[in-house]
Amino acid sequence: MALSRSLRQVRIHLIDPKLEDPALRADLERKAASGVGVVVLGGPQVHGLRSHGKLLIVDDRVAAIGSMALSASHLDTRCEVAVVVQDARLVKSLVRFFDTAGGSHPVLVFGRQRDEAIA
């Protein structure tokens, strides 16, 4: 099951198996309250594979892929790795990957009801 067409307009896509940082969650809530669409896919697997990596896509124009722990304390104390992608073709491919991954993962939609998020 792919994400519904209405969610293809979201401004922030995030795959993070944990998303435990309260400050990041609060930031995402604030973004959603200001009208930015935010969708987070969680869970231990992506397309049947164990997931540790993170994928962040902003405005369907730029993406970051890596092992980075998305919390201030981890970014300050750990050596994390990420690749920033700005090539339109590659970002579009990552958006398609995100859309198809949405059917098999818990979905946290900030600022919208869960039933609006799943087709």
Protein backbone atom coordinates (compact mmCIF):
# COMPACT_ATOMS: atom_id res chain seq x y z
CA MET A 1 0.00 0.00 0.00
CA ALA A 2 1.50 3.35 -1.01
CA LEU A 3 0.90 6.64 0.74
CA SER A 4 -2.11 8.50 -0.56
CA ARG A 5 -1.73 11.13 -3.26
CA SER A 6 -2.53 13.90 -0.77
CA LEU A 7 0.60 13.08 1.23
CA ARG A 8 2.85 13.38 -1.79
CA GLN A 9 2.59 17.11 -1.14
CA VAL A 10 4.21 16.86 2.30
CA ARG A 11 7.22 19.04 2.85
CA ILE A 12 9.18 16.77 5.22
CA HIS A 13 9.51 12.98 4.82
CA LEU A 14 11.50 11.11 7.46
CA ILE A 15 12.39 7.46 7.94
CA ASP A 16 13.73 6.94 11.44
CA PRO A 17 13.28 3.61 13.23
CA LYS A 18 13.42 5.26 16.67
CA LEU A 19 12.66 9.01 16.61
CA GLU A 20 13.07 9.22 20.37
CA ASP A 21 14.45 12.75 20.76
CA PRO A 22 11.80 14.94 22.44
CA ALA A 23 13.30 18.14 21.01
CA LEU A 24 13.13 16.81 17.44
CA ARG A 25 9.57 15.61 17.95
CA ALA A 26 8.64 19.05 19.31
CA ASP A 27 10.30 20.71 16.29
CA LEU A 28 8.31 18.48 13.94
CA GLU A 29 5.10 19.31 15.82
CA ARG A 30 5.86 23.04 15.49
CA LYS A 31 6.52 22.66 11.76
CA ALA A 32 3.21 20.85 11.34
CA ALA A 33 1.34 23.47 13.38
CA SER A 34 2.70 26.13 11.04
CA GLY A 35 1.28 24.30 8.02
CA VAL A 36 4.27 22.21 6.98
CA GLY A 37 3.29 18.62 6.21
CA VAL A 38 5.40 16.13 8.19
CA VAL A 39 5.29 12.34 7.78
CA VAL A 40 7.57 9.98 9.70
CA LEU A 41 7.90 6.28 8.95
CA GLY A 42 9.20 4.25 11.86
CA GLY A 43 9.75 0.63 12.71
CA PRO A 44 12.68 -1.75 12.63
CA GLN A 45 12.44 -2.75 8.95
CA VAL A 46 12.32 -1.06 5.56
CA HIS A 47 11.17 -3.23 2.66
CA GLY A 48 11.80 -6.33 4.79
CA LEU A 49 15.36 -5.37 5.75
CA ARG A 50 16.53 -4.38 9.24
CA SER A 51 16.89 -0.60 9.28
CA HIS A 52 19.36 1.53 11.17
CA GLY A 53 19.74 4.28 8.59
CA LYS A 54 17.75 7.46 8.33
CA LEU A 55 16.28 9.18 5.30
CA LEU A 56 15.20 12.81 5.41
CA ILE A 57 13.60 14.49 2.39
CA VAL A 58 12.71 18.18 2.47
CA ASP A 59 10.41 19.83 -0.08
CA ASP A 60 11.03 16.93 -2.51
CA ARG A 61 14.21 18.81 -3.47
CA VAL A 62 16.96 17.72 -1.08
CA ALA A 63 17.59 14.52 0.86
CA ALA A 64 19.98 13.31 3.52
CA ILE A 65 20.73 9.61 3.91
CA GLY A 66 22.91 8.15 6.61
CA SER A 67 23.39 6.69 10.04
CA MET A 68 22.97 10.01 11.83
CA ALA A 69 21.10 9.91 15.11
CA LEU A 70 18.69 12.80 14.88
CA SER A 71 19.21 14.37 18.27
CA ALA A 72 21.40 17.25 19.37
CA SER A 73 23.21 15.20 22.00
CA HIS A 74 24.11 12.44 19.54
CA LEU A 75 25.15 14.84 16.80
CA ASP A 76 27.48 16.56 19.27
CA THR A 77 29.03 13.41 20.77
CA ARG A 78 29.10 10.79 18.00
CA CYS A 79 30.79 10.50 14.66
CA GLU A 80 27.81 10.19 12.33
CA VAL A 81 27.75 9.86 8.55
CA ALA A 82 25.28 11.27 6.03
CA VAL A 83 25.17 12.02 2.33
CA VAL A 84 23.23 15.04 1.08
CA VAL A 85 21.49 14.51 -2.26
CA GLN A 86 20.38 17.47 -4.37
CA ASP A 87 20.15 15.83 -7.79
CA ALA A 88 16.47 16.09 -8.79
CA ARG A 89 16.36 12.63 -10.37
CA LEU A 90 17.83 10.94 -7.31
CA VAL A 91 15.61 12.83 -4.89
CA LYS A 92 12.56 11.86 -6.96
CA SER A 93 13.66 8.23 -6.72
CA LEU A 94 14.00 8.55 -2.93
CA VAL A 95 10.50 10.05 -2.72
CA ARG A 96 9.15 7.02 -4.62
CA PHE A 97 11.03 4.74 -2.20
CA PHE A 98 9.49 6.61 0.75
CA ASP A 99 6.00 6.33 -0.76
CA THR A 100 6.26 2.57 -1.26
CA ALA A 101 7.81 2.01 2.19
CA GLY A 102 4.83 3.74 3.83
CA GLY A 103 2.51 0.78 3.46
CA SER A 104 4.52 -1.49 5.74
CA HIS A 105 5.56 0.84 8.55
CA PRO A 106 4.00 2.68 11.43
CA VAL A 107 3.20 6.17 10.18
CA LEU A 108 3.34 9.22 12.38
CA VAL A 109 1.69 12.16 10.67
CA PHE A 110 2.12 15.48 12.40
CA GLY A 111 -0.78 17.85 11.90
CA ARG A 112 -3.07 15.31 10.19
CA GLN A 113 -5.11 12.31 11.20
CA ARG A 114 -3.56 8.89 10.63
CA ASP A 115 -6.53 7.73 8.53
CA GLU A 116 -5.86 10.60 6.11
CA ALA A 117 -2.28 9.39 5.70
CA ILE A 118 -2.90 5.86 4.49
CA ALA A 119 -4.63 5.15 1.19
